Amino acid sequence: MHLRSLALAGLACALAACASQPKPLQGDYTPLTPREAAERDSVGATVRWGGRIVQVEPKENVTCFEMISTRLDVYGRPYWAEDDTGGRFIACRTGFYDPAIFEKNRDVTFTGRVDSYENRRIGGYSYRFPHVEADVVYLWPKRERVNVVTRPAPWPWWGYW
């Protein structure tokens, strides 16, 4: 009986290892949304935030991403099951990230620390963006939609008897 329990525990651990986040996104982070960070001073907090790209701004030696955030699934990928977002944020990373690849509405996850705040306008509204100095920029593959087409059975007697 003890051997059976040990085998089940080993199987559970093996399955848990299969459902882990990509290595660059693993670690311990402050459980804080960009909206919460904008409402209070959270400079220095280490975060893992993700969402969809609103715009990409390549500068001289850094690229900044304006993002609309959402919660992350167990793999660290932005989860878009509803319209409830966690606010907006700006993440910057040294180097050039091509806006043709990091295009609007692509899913990206960042890790880094909140280093400042920036006020920008969204339409006529003044919005306080938490600014993240990113260590990791993880671009997720595009999700492909699959249309399943069902056809009737080829013979009228096909199916349940």
Protein backbone atom coordinates (compact mmCIF):
# COMPACT_ATOMS: atom_id res chain seq x y z
CA MET A 1 0.00 0.00 0.00
CA HIS A 2 2.88 2.36 0.84
CA LEU A 3 4.49 1.68 -2.55
CA ARG A 4 1.22 2.54 -4.29
CA SER A 5 0.99 5.91 -2.49
CA LEU A 6 4.60 6.65 -3.36
CA ALA A 7 3.96 5.84 -7.03
CA LEU A 8 0.89 8.13 -7.08
CA ALA A 9 2.88 10.96 -5.49
CA GLY A 10 5.64 10.52 -8.08
CA LEU A 11 3.10 10.60 -10.90
CA ALA A 12 1.52 13.77 -9.48
CA CYS A 13 4.95 15.46 -9.32
CA ALA A 14 5.73 14.43 -12.91
CA LEU A 15 2.42 15.81 -14.16
CA ALA A 16 2.94 19.05 -12.24
CA ALA A 17 6.33 19.47 -13.89
CA CYS A 18 4.67 19.21 -17.32
CA ALA A 19 2.33 22.09 -16.49
CA SER A 20 4.92 24.66 -15.53
CA GLN A 21 5.76 28.10 -16.81
CA PRO A 22 8.53 28.73 -19.31
CA LYS A 23 11.86 28.91 -17.48
CA PRO A 24 12.37 32.70 -17.97
CA LEU A 25 9.01 33.41 -16.28
CA GLN A 26 9.53 31.25 -13.19
CA GLY A 27 10.16 32.78 -9.78
CA ASP A 28 8.48 34.57 -6.90
CA TYR A 29 6.81 37.91 -7.62
CA THR A 30 4.73 40.44 -5.74
CA PRO A 31 1.00 39.62 -6.17
CA LEU A 32 0.15 43.09 -7.47
CA THR A 33 -1.82 44.23 -10.53
CA PRO A 34 -0.81 47.31 -12.54
CA ARG A 35 -4.03 48.99 -11.38
CA GLU A 36 -3.08 48.42 -7.72
CA ALA A 37 0.47 49.61 -8.39
CA ALA A 38 -0.86 52.82 -9.98
CA GLU A 39 -3.04 53.53 -6.93
CA ARG A 40 -0.19 53.29 -4.42
CA ASP A 41 3.56 53.65 -4.39
CA SER A 42 5.01 50.28 -5.36
CA VAL A 43 8.47 51.31 -6.56
CA GLY A 44 10.87 48.40 -6.12
CA ALA A 45 8.23 45.65 -6.31
CA THR A 46 9.25 42.68 -8.45
CA VAL A 47 6.39 41.77 -10.76
CA ARG A 48 5.34 39.36 -13.49
CA TRP A 49 2.76 41.13 -15.62
CA GLY A 50 1.33 40.31 -19.00
CA GLY A 51 -1.23 41.45 -21.47
CA ARG A 52 -1.74 42.75 -24.97
CA ILE A 53 0.43 45.29 -26.72
CA VAL A 54 -1.18 48.70 -27.26
CA GLN A 55 1.93 50.22 -28.84
CA VAL A 56 5.68 49.68 -29.10
CA GLU A 57 8.10 52.62 -28.90
CA PRO A 58 11.69 51.87 -29.99
CA LYS A 59 14.06 54.55 -28.67
CA GLU A 60 17.82 54.99 -28.98
CA ASN A 61 18.90 51.94 -26.93
CA VAL A 62 15.68 50.82 -25.27
CA THR A 63 12.25 49.65 -26.40
CA CYS A 64 9.14 50.51 -24.40
CA PHE A 65 5.84 48.65 -24.58
CA GLU A 66 2.52 50.20 -23.60
CA MET A 67 0.39 47.30 -22.39
CA ILE A 68 -3.16 46.58 -21.31
CA SER A 69 -2.86 43.90 -18.66
CA THR A 70 -4.88 40.89 -17.69
CA ARG A 71 -4.37 38.05 -15.25
CA LEU A 72 -2.00 35.25 -16.22
CA ASP A 73 -2.86 31.58 -16.54
CA VAL A 74 -0.84 28.79 -14.85
CA TYR A 75 1.76 28.96 -17.63
CA GLY A 76 2.24 32.73 -17.24
CA ARG A 77 0.37 33.54 -20.47
CA PRO A 78 -2.18 36.40 -20.51
CA TYR A 79 -5.68 34.98 -19.99
CA TRP A 80 -8.45 36.71 -21.97
CA ALA A 81 -11.63 34.92 -20.89
CA GLU A 82 -13.35 38.20 -20.00
CA ASP A 83 -13.02 41.95 -20.44
CA ASP A 84 -11.87 42.54 -16.86
CA THR A 85 -8.36 43.96 -17.11
CA GLY A 86 -5.81 44.75 -14.44
CA GLY A 87 -5.07 48.24 -15.78
CA ARG A 88 -2.27 49.44 -18.01
CA PHE A 89 1.50 49.59 -17.63
CA ILE A 90 4.65 50.48 -19.52
CA ALA A 91 7.53 48.00 -19.68
CA CYS A 92 10.96 48.95 -21.06
CA ARG A 93 13.89 46.71 -21.93
CA THR A 94 17.33 47.51 -23.31
CA GLY A 95 17.69 46.67 -27.00
CA PHE A 96 15.59 46.83 -30.13
CA TYR A 97 12.33 44.91 -30.32
CA ASP A 98 10.87 45.16 -33.82
CA PRO A 99 7.32 46.63 -33.87
CA ALA A 100 6.60 44.48 -36.95
CA ILE A 101 6.96 41.37 -34.77
CA PHE A 102 5.81 42.86 -31.45
CA GLU A 103 2.68 44.16 -33.13
CA LYS A 104 -0.52 45.51 -31.59
CA ASN A 105 -2.66 42.93 -29.71
CA ARG A 106 0.13 40.30 -29.37
CA ASP A 107 0.34 38.57 -25.97
CA VAL A 108 3.49 39.36 -23.99
CA THR A 109 4.58 38.57 -20.42
CA PHE A 110 7.24 40.62 -18.61
CA THR A 111 9.20 40.12 -15.43
CA GLY A 112 11.02 42.97 -13.74
CA ARG A 113 10.60 45.64 -11.12
CA VAL A 114 8.49 48.75 -10.86
CA ASP A 115 10.97 51.62 -11.10
CA SER A 116 8.77 54.71 -11.58
CA TYR A 117 5.44 56.09 -12.79
CA GLU A 118 4.53 58.01 -15.91
CA ASN A 119 1.44 60.08 -16.61
CA ARG A 120 0.04 59.80 -20.14
CA ARG A 121 -3.24 60.64 -21.76
CA ILE A 122 -5.63 58.01 -23.08
CA GLY A 123 -7.97 60.10 -25.16
CA GLY A 124 -8.88 62.94 -22.83
CA TYR A 125 -8.16 60.98 -19.65
CA SER A 126 -4.90 61.38 -17.71
CA TYR A 127 -3.68 57.92 -16.69
CA ARG A 128 -0.88 57.01 -14.24
CA PHE A 129 1.15 54.14 -15.72
CA PRO A 130 3.43 52.01 -13.55
CA HIS A 131 6.78 51.79 -15.35
CA VAL A 132 8.55 48.41 -15.27
CA GLU A 133 12.26 47.93 -15.89
CA ALA A 134 11.91 44.53 -17.60
CA ASP A 135 14.35 41.65 -17.18
CA VAL A 136 12.37 39.32 -19.46
CA VAL A 137 10.18 40.05 -22.51
CA TYR A 138 8.33 36.86 -23.42
CA LEU A 139 6.36 37.01 -26.69
CA TRP A 140 3.77 34.26 -26.92
CA PRO A 141 2.94 32.53 -30.21
CA LYS A 142 -0.24 33.69 -31.91
CA ARG A 143 -3.32 31.70 -31.00
CA GLU A 144 -4.79 30.05 -34.04
CA ARG A 145 -8.54 29.74 -34.33
CA VAL A 146 -9.79 26.36 -35.50
CA ASN A 147 -13.21 26.01 -37.06
CA VAL A 148 -14.61 22.52 -36.61
CA VAL A 149 -16.98 21.54 -39.40
CA THR A 150 -19.26 18.59 -38.73
CA ARG A 151 -20.95 16.79 -41.57
CA PRO A 152 -23.89 14.41 -41.44
CA ALA A 153 -23.20 10.69 -41.63
CA PRO A 154 -22.85 9.33 -45.17
CA TRP A 155 -25.71 6.83 -44.79
CA PRO A 156 -29.07 7.31 -43.10
CA TRP A 157 -28.63 4.17 -40.98
CA TRP A 158 -25.27 5.39 -39.65
CA GLY A 159 -25.34 6.29 -35.98
CA TYR A 160 -27.13 4.99 -32.93
CA TRP A 161 -29.03 1.71 -33.32
